[in-house]
Amino acid sequence: MMMPPRQTLVVNVIQAEGLQHMNHFTGDHPYCVCEVKHVDPSFPTTKAAFGPDRSYYDGAAILLLKVCGCHPSIFGVILSSPSDETMGSAFCPASKARYPSFANSSIRLGGPVGPHWTLLHGRDDVGAMQVSTGVYIGGSLSQYQRLVLQGTAAPSDVNFYSGYSAWPIERLQREVAAGDWTVLKPSAPLLLDAARGAAAARDVLSLAVAK
């Protein structure tokens, strides 16, 4: 068996979005277009595009959560159905002991970028950030654990998302203008029901997009 002769190639980056954040797992929906050519000008030149698997977004409803001014970019989570994994498999032993009420909570896939966890819920008394009227992210899980033990909250009220989706704002604006996405502003109850994977709520969002 003989090794084929080594080919010398030159790669020029034509367009790159979000790449400066990839090593820090902050995302920005990384995308790159390159020109690949041989040093011998008689060989053809090829263009190649690299980016995340778009199948993540087939029929997806994404809740946009926050603008990051460093790029600027915007990120959100896919309002996905629960996976078969639970937080018990993600917690370290200390966290599992500290938050036993959430050990059986389902993990939802928020997007292809990570590792990153997002807590989505409707409580305004746990130090969370409001992203829409009646919809909050983050906050103190310890405080939520106390509310559950007091009987004033339920573990199912908190949605745990692993990973997220992100775009440079200008790119997302282009995709919306091209008709790739439809922008909606549903009510908090509908959003939270969709976040919990309620089929009826997702059907309403799908019908609104279809119109």
C-alpha atoms as a PDB file:
ATOM      1  CA  MET A   1       0.000   0.000   0.000  1.00  0.00           C
ATOM      2  CA  MET A   2       1.394   3.379  -1.025  1.00  0.00           C
ATOM      3  CA  MET A   3       0.638   6.746   0.521  1.00  0.00           C
ATOM      4  CA  PRO A   4      -0.646   9.260  -2.055  1.00  0.00           C
ATOM      5  CA  PRO A   5       1.578  12.284  -2.702  1.00  0.00           C
ATOM      6  CA  ARG A   6       1.061  15.169  -0.306  1.00  0.00           C
ATOM      7  CA  GLN A   7      -1.080  18.006  -1.657  1.00  0.00           C
ATOM      8  CA  THR A   8      -0.286  21.593  -0.665  1.00  0.00           C
ATOM      9  CA  LEU A   9      -3.424  23.682  -0.178  1.00  0.00           C
ATOM     10  CA  VAL A  10      -4.089  27.307   0.666  1.00  0.00           C
ATOM     11  CA  VAL A  11      -7.176  28.187   2.742  1.00  0.00           C
ATOM     12  CA  ASN A  12      -8.546  31.737   2.761  1.00  0.00           C
ATOM     13  CA  VAL A  13     -11.351  32.686   5.159  1.00  0.00           C
ATOM     14  CA  ILE A  14     -13.948  34.690   3.217  1.00  0.00           C
ATOM     15  CA  GLN A  15     -16.602  35.088   5.934  1.00  0.00           C
ATOM     16  CA  ALA A  16     -16.543  34.147   9.627  1.00  0.00           C
ATOM     17  CA  GLU A  17     -19.194  34.791  12.244  1.00  0.00           C
ATOM     18  CA  GLY A  18     -18.968  34.007  15.930  1.00  0.00           C
ATOM     19  CA  LEU A  19     -15.641  32.203  15.758  1.00  0.00           C
ATOM     20  CA  GLN A  20     -13.921  34.348  18.379  1.00  0.00           C
ATOM     21  CA  HIS A  21     -16.284  32.927  21.010  1.00  0.00           C
ATOM     22  CA  MET A  22     -16.091  29.231  20.155  1.00  0.00           C
ATOM     23  CA  ASN A  23     -13.320  28.385  22.611  1.00  0.00           C
ATOM     24  CA  HIS A  24     -15.314  30.021  25.383  1.00  0.00           C
ATOM     25  CA  PHE A  25     -18.510  28.092  24.574  1.00  0.00           C
ATOM     26  CA  THR A  26     -20.534  31.295  24.228  1.00  0.00           C
ATOM     27  CA  GLY A  27     -21.655  30.414  20.730  1.00  0.00           C
ATOM     28  CA  ASP A  28     -22.794  33.165  18.392  1.00  0.00           C
ATOM     29  CA  HIS A  29     -24.027  30.510  15.961  1.00  0.00           C
ATOM     30  CA  PRO A  30     -20.523  29.893  14.486  1.00  0.00           C
ATOM     31  CA  TYR A  31     -20.385  29.957  10.699  1.00  0.00           C
ATOM     32  CA  CYS A  32     -17.463  30.108   8.292  1.00  0.00           C
ATOM     33  CA  VAL A  33     -17.016  30.256   4.503  1.00  0.00           C
ATOM     34  CA  CYS A  34     -13.567  29.343   3.166  1.00  0.00           C
ATOM     35  CA  GLU A  35     -11.869  29.292  -0.216  1.00  0.00           C
ATOM     36  CA  VAL A  36      -9.649  26.237  -0.676  1.00  0.00           C
ATOM     37  CA  LYS A  37      -7.161  26.135  -3.551  1.00  0.00           C
ATOM     38  CA  HIS A  38      -4.035  24.299  -4.615  1.00  0.00           C
ATOM     39  CA  VAL A  39      -0.738  26.133  -4.881  1.00  0.00           C
ATOM     40  CA  ASP A  40      -0.685  24.976  -8.507  1.00  0.00           C
ATOM     41  CA  PRO A  41      -3.004  27.465 -10.293  1.00  0.00           C
ATOM     42  CA  SER A  42      -4.046  24.779 -12.789  1.00  0.00           C
ATOM     43  CA  PHE A  43      -6.053  23.056 -10.050  1.00  0.00           C
ATOM     44  CA  PRO A  44      -9.663  24.203  -9.425  1.00  0.00           C
ATOM     45  CA  THR A  45     -10.653  26.416  -6.473  1.00  0.00           C
ATOM     46  CA  THR A  46     -13.358  25.231  -4.086  1.00  0.00           C
ATOM     47  CA  LYS A  47     -15.526  27.095  -1.584  1.00  0.00           C
ATOM     48  CA  ALA A  48     -16.675  25.356   1.585  1.00  0.00           C
ATOM     49  CA  ALA A  49     -19.104  26.451   4.313  1.00  0.00           C
ATOM     50  CA  PHE A  50     -19.014  25.150   7.875  1.00  0.00           C
ATOM     51  CA  GLY A  51     -21.629  25.662  10.573  1.00  0.00           C
ATOM     52  CA  PRO A  52     -23.924  23.880  13.053  1.00  0.00           C
ATOM     53  CA  ASP A  53     -26.348  21.176  11.983  1.00  0.00           C
ATOM     54  CA  ARG A  54     -29.450  23.046  10.770  1.00  0.00           C
ATOM     55  CA  SER A  55     -31.656  20.021  11.568  1.00  0.00           C
ATOM     56  CA  TYR A  56     -31.752  21.379  15.127  1.00  0.00           C
ATOM     57  CA  TYR A  57     -34.064  24.082  13.824  1.00  0.00           C
ATOM     58  CA  ASP A  58     -36.478  22.123  11.623  1.00  0.00           C
ATOM     59  CA  GLY A  59     -39.916  23.246  12.822  1.00  0.00           C
ATOM     60  CA  ALA A  60     -38.382  24.741  15.979  1.00  0.00           C
ATOM     61  CA  ALA A  61     -39.839  27.500  18.144  1.00  0.00           C
ATOM     62  CA  ILE A  62     -37.048  29.480  19.817  1.00  0.00           C
ATOM     63  CA  LEU A  63     -37.488  31.817  22.766  1.00  0.00           C
ATOM     64  CA  LEU A  64     -34.964  34.659  22.412  1.00  0.00           C
ATOM     65  CA  LEU A  65     -33.616  35.545  25.847  1.00  0.00           C
ATOM     66  CA  LYS A  66     -30.775  38.036  25.852  1.00  0.00           C
ATOM     67  CA  VAL A  67     -28.630  40.298  23.696  1.00  0.00           C
ATOM     68  CA  CYS A  68     -24.874  40.072  24.191  1.00  0.00           C
ATOM     69  CA  GLY A  69     -23.230  43.400  23.410  1.00  0.00           C
ATOM     70  CA  CYS A  70     -19.771  41.957  22.796  1.00  0.00           C
ATOM     71  CA  HIS A  71     -20.512  40.945  19.203  1.00  0.00           C
ATOM     72  CA  PRO A  72     -23.435  41.968  19.202  1.00  0.00           C
ATOM     73  CA  SER A  73     -25.315  38.690  19.236  1.00  0.00           C
ATOM     74  CA  ILE A  74     -28.548  37.274  20.616  1.00  0.00           C
ATOM     75  CA  PHE A  75     -29.219  33.899  22.176  1.00  0.00           C
ATOM     76  CA  GLY A  76     -32.223  31.812  23.136  1.00  0.00           C
ATOM     77  CA  VAL A  77     -33.420  28.263  23.716  1.00  0.00           C
ATOM     78  CA  ILE A  78     -35.414  25.866  21.593  1.00  0.00           C
ATOM     79  CA  LEU A  79     -38.783  25.189  23.236  1.00  0.00           C
ATOM     80  CA  SER A  80     -38.201  21.464  22.933  1.00  0.00           C
ATOM     81  CA  SER A  81     -39.924  18.442  24.390  1.00  0.00           C
ATOM     82  CA  PRO A  82     -38.348  16.750  27.425  1.00  0.00           C
ATOM     83  CA  SER A  83     -35.534  14.308  26.761  1.00  0.00           C
ATOM     84  CA  ASP A  84     -35.144  10.956  28.492  1.00  0.00           C
ATOM     85  CA  GLU A  85     -32.372  12.427  30.662  1.00  0.00           C
ATOM     86  CA  THR A  86     -33.038  13.937  34.089  1.00  0.00           C
ATOM     87  CA  MET A  87     -31.188  16.465  36.212  1.00  0.00           C
ATOM     88  CA  GLY A  88     -30.185  13.622  38.511  1.00  0.00           C
ATOM     89  CA  SER A  89     -27.743  12.513  35.809  1.00  0.00           C
ATOM     90  CA  ALA A  90     -26.380  16.061  35.401  1.00  0.00           C
ATOM     91  CA  PHE A  91     -26.070  17.101  39.068  1.00  0.00           C
ATOM     92  CA  CYS A  92     -22.821  16.429  40.879  1.00  0.00           C
ATOM     93  CA  PRO A  93     -23.295  14.516  44.177  1.00  0.00           C
ATOM     94  CA  ALA A  94     -23.323  17.760  46.198  1.00  0.00           C
ATOM     95  CA  SER A  95     -25.952  19.373  43.939  1.00  0.00           C
ATOM     96  CA  LYS A  96     -28.074  16.235  43.964  1.00  0.00           C
ATOM     97  CA  ALA A  97     -28.106  16.371  47.767  1.00  0.00           C
ATOM     98  CA  ARG A  98     -28.801  20.132  47.786  1.00  0.00           C
ATOM     99  CA  TYR A  99     -31.632  20.065  45.209  1.00  0.00           C
ATOM    100  CA  PRO A 100     -33.361  16.689  45.664  1.00  0.00           C
ATOM    101  CA  SER A 101     -36.715  18.055  44.454  1.00  0.00           C
ATOM    102  CA  PHE A 102     -35.291  18.534  40.955  1.00  0.00           C
ATOM    103  CA  ALA A 103     -33.397  15.244  40.546  1.00  0.00           C
ATOM    104  CA  ASN A 104     -36.254  13.823  38.440  1.00  0.00           C
ATOM    105  CA  SER A 105     -36.771  16.980  36.378  1.00  0.00           C
ATOM    106  CA  SER A 106     -36.376  16.397  32.656  1.00  0.00           C
ATOM    107  CA  ILE A 107     -33.573  17.952  30.639  1.00  0.00           C
ATOM    108  CA  ARG A 108     -34.543  19.785  27.456  1.00  0.00           C
ATOM    109  CA  LEU A 109     -32.223  20.508  24.555  1.00  0.00           C
ATOM    110  CA  GLY A 110     -31.907  24.289  24.258  1.00  0.00           C
ATOM    111  CA  GLY A 111     -29.588  24.258  21.242  1.00  0.00           C
ATOM    112  CA  PRO A 112     -26.273  23.072  19.832  1.00  0.00           C
ATOM    113  CA  VAL A 113     -24.012  25.450  21.784  1.00  0.00           C
ATOM    114  CA  GLY A 114     -22.739  24.568  25.230  1.00  0.00           C
ATOM    115  CA  PRO A 115     -22.061  23.569  27.896  1.00  0.00           C
ATOM    116  CA  HIS A 116     -24.581  26.024  29.321  1.00  0.00           C
ATOM    117  CA  TRP A 117     -27.653  25.661  31.533  1.00  0.00           C
ATOM    118  CA  THR A 118     -30.772  27.846  31.414  1.00  0.00           C
ATOM    119  CA  LEU A 119     -33.568  27.749  33.994  1.00  0.00           C
ATOM    120  CA  LEU A 120     -36.871  28.964  32.550  1.00  0.00           C
ATOM    121  CA  HIS A 121     -39.882  29.580  34.777  1.00  0.00           C
ATOM    122  CA  GLY A 122     -42.562  32.049  35.836  1.00  0.00           C
ATOM    123  CA  ARG A 123     -41.409  33.082  39.345  1.00  0.00           C
ATOM    124  CA  ASP A 124     -40.445  36.660  40.182  1.00  0.00           C
ATOM    125  CA  ASP A 125     -39.304  35.906  43.754  1.00  0.00           C
ATOM    126  CA  VAL A 126     -36.157  33.823  43.222  1.00  0.00           C
ATOM    127  CA  GLY A 127     -33.796  36.520  41.953  1.00  0.00           C
ATOM    128  CA  ALA A 128     -34.356  35.711  38.285  1.00  0.00           C
ATOM    129  CA  MET A 129     -34.183  37.968  35.221  1.00  0.00           C
ATOM    130  CA  GLN A 130     -37.425  38.778  33.446  1.00  0.00           C
ATOM    131  CA  VAL A 131     -37.166  38.225  29.680  1.00  0.00           C
ATOM    132  CA  SER A 132     -40.839  38.803  28.869  1.00  0.00           C
ATOM    133  CA  THR A 133     -43.887  39.683  30.935  1.00  0.00           C
ATOM    134  CA  GLY A 134     -44.304  36.794  33.380  1.00  0.00           C
ATOM    135  CA  VAL A 135     -41.349  34.796  31.984  1.00  0.00           C
ATOM    136  CA  TYR A 136     -38.008  34.550  33.839  1.00  0.00           C
ATOM    137  CA  ILE A 137     -34.625  32.875  33.464  1.00  0.00           C
ATOM    138  CA  GLY A 138     -32.034  31.953  36.077  1.00  0.00           C
ATOM    139  CA  GLY A 139     -32.384  32.827  39.713  1.00  0.00           C
ATOM    140  CA  SER A 140     -31.599  30.864  42.852  1.00  0.00           C
ATOM    141  CA  LEU A 141     -32.316  27.146  42.645  1.00  0.00           C
ATOM    142  CA  SER A 142     -31.806  27.007  46.410  1.00  0.00           C
ATOM    143  CA  GLN A 143     -34.670  29.466  46.852  1.00  0.00           C
ATOM    144  CA  TYR A 144     -36.793  27.391  44.485  1.00  0.00           C
ATOM    145  CA  GLN A 145     -35.968  24.278  46.524  1.00  0.00           C
ATOM    146  CA  ARG A 146     -37.230  26.058  49.666  1.00  0.00           C
ATOM    147  CA  LEU A 147     -40.456  27.088  47.903  1.00  0.00           C
ATOM    148  CA  VAL A 148     -41.044  23.481  46.826  1.00  0.00           C
ATOM    149  CA  LEU A 149     -40.532  22.246  50.395  1.00  0.00           C
ATOM    150  CA  GLN A 150     -42.939  24.941  51.621  1.00  0.00           C
ATOM    151  CA  GLY A 151     -45.533  23.742  49.119  1.00  0.00           C
ATOM    152  CA  THR A 152     -45.732  27.064  47.255  1.00  0.00           C
ATOM    153  CA  ALA A 153     -43.975  25.816  44.102  1.00  0.00           C
ATOM    154  CA  ALA A 154     -43.666  22.561  42.178  1.00  0.00           C
ATOM    155  CA  PRO A 155     -40.538  21.047  40.612  1.00  0.00           C
ATOM    156  CA  SER A 156     -42.346  20.959  37.264  1.00  0.00           C
ATOM    157  CA  ASP A 157     -42.539  24.771  37.333  1.00  0.00           C
ATOM    158  CA  VAL A 158     -38.823  24.944  36.397  1.00  0.00           C
ATOM    159  CA  ASN A 159     -37.644  23.972  32.926  1.00  0.00           C
ATOM    160  CA  PHE A 160     -33.981  22.966  32.594  1.00  0.00           C
ATOM    161  CA  TYR A 161     -32.357  23.605  29.210  1.00  0.00           C
ATOM    162  CA  SER A 162     -28.974  22.222  28.260  1.00  0.00           C
ATOM    163  CA  GLY A 163     -27.239  24.254  25.558  1.00  0.00           C
ATOM    164  CA  TYR A 164     -28.586  27.210  23.625  1.00  0.00           C
ATOM    165  CA  SER A 165     -28.872  28.747  20.165  1.00  0.00           C
ATOM    166  CA  ALA A 166     -27.223  32.015  19.154  1.00  0.00           C
ATOM    167  CA  TRP A 167     -26.784  34.310  16.177  1.00  0.00           C
ATOM    168  CA  PRO A 168     -24.996  37.529  15.348  1.00  0.00           C
ATOM    169  CA  ILE A 169     -27.923  39.955  15.296  1.00  0.00           C
ATOM    170  CA  GLU A 170     -27.323  41.044  11.690  1.00  0.00           C
ATOM    171  CA  ARG A 171     -27.398  37.432  10.543  1.00  0.00           C
ATOM    172  CA  LEU A 172     -30.645  36.690  12.366  1.00  0.00           C
ATOM    173  CA  GLN A 173     -32.178  39.826  10.845  1.00  0.00           C
ATOM    174  CA  ARG A 174     -31.214  38.536   7.387  1.00  0.00           C
ATOM    175  CA  GLU A 175     -32.773  35.143   8.120  1.00  0.00           C
ATOM    176  CA  VAL A 176     -36.019  36.760   9.334  1.00  0.00           C
ATOM    177  CA  ALA A 177     -36.114  38.995   6.237  1.00  0.00           C
ATOM    178  CA  ALA A 178     -35.605  35.920   4.056  1.00  0.00           C
ATOM    179  CA  GLY A 179     -38.586  34.206   5.664  1.00  0.00           C
ATOM    180  CA  ASP A 180     -36.572  31.567   7.518  1.00  0.00           C
ATOM    181  CA  TRP A 181     -38.183  32.634  10.801  1.00  0.00           C
ATOM    182  CA  THR A 182     -41.493  34.183  11.885  1.00  0.00           C
ATOM    183  CA  VAL A 183     -41.338  36.534  14.886  1.00  0.00           C
ATOM    184  CA  LEU A 184     -44.100  36.095  17.503  1.00  0.00           C
ATOM    185  CA  LYS A 185     -44.798  37.539  20.943  1.00  0.00           C
ATOM    186  CA  PRO A 186     -47.103  35.032  22.674  1.00  0.00           C
ATOM    187  CA  SER A 187     -48.467  35.387  26.188  1.00  0.00           C
ATOM    188  CA  ALA A 188     -46.552  34.160  29.234  1.00  0.00           C
ATOM    189  CA  PRO A 189     -48.931  31.214  29.911  1.00  0.00           C
ATOM    190  CA  LEU A 190     -48.588  30.038  26.303  1.00  0.00           C
ATOM    191  CA  LEU A 191     -44.784  30.387  26.398  1.00  0.00           C
ATOM    192  CA  LEU A 192     -44.461  28.507  29.680  1.00  0.00           C
ATOM    193  CA  ASP A 193     -46.801  25.757  28.485  1.00  0.00           C
ATOM    194  CA  ALA A 194     -44.724  25.425  25.310  1.00  0.00           C
ATOM    195  CA  ALA A 195     -41.551  25.388  27.417  1.00  0.00           C
ATOM    196  CA  ARG A 196     -42.968  22.481  29.408  1.00  0.00           C
ATOM    197  CA  GLY A 197     -43.578  20.631  26.134  1.00  0.00           C
ATOM    198  CA  ALA A 198     -47.376  20.953  26.170  1.00  0.00           C
ATOM    199  CA  ALA A 199     -48.548  19.746  22.743  1.00  0.00           C
ATOM    200  CA  ALA A 200     -51.514  22.124  22.637  1.00  0.00           C
ATOM    201  CA  ALA A 201     -49.311  25.180  23.225  1.00  0.00           C
ATOM    202  CA  ARG A 202     -46.838  24.093  20.539  1.00  0.00           C
ATOM    203  CA  ASP A 203     -49.728  23.545  18.125  1.00  0.00           C
ATOM    204  CA  VAL A 204     -50.924  27.124  18.731  1.00  0.00           C
ATOM    205  CA  LEU A 205     -47.400  28.459  18.008  1.00  0.00           C
ATOM    206  CA  SER A 206     -47.222  26.341  14.851  1.00  0.00           C
ATOM    207  CA  LEU A 207     -50.588  27.627  13.636  1.00  0.00           C
ATOM    208  CA  ALA A 208     -49.507  31.222  14.278  1.00  0.00           C
ATOM    209  CA  VAL A 209     -46.349  30.662  12.221  1.00  0.00           C
ATOM    210  CA  ALA A 210     -48.375  29.027   9.435  1.00  0.00           C
ATOM    211  CA  LYS A 211     -50.555  32.123   9.169  1.00  0.00           C
END
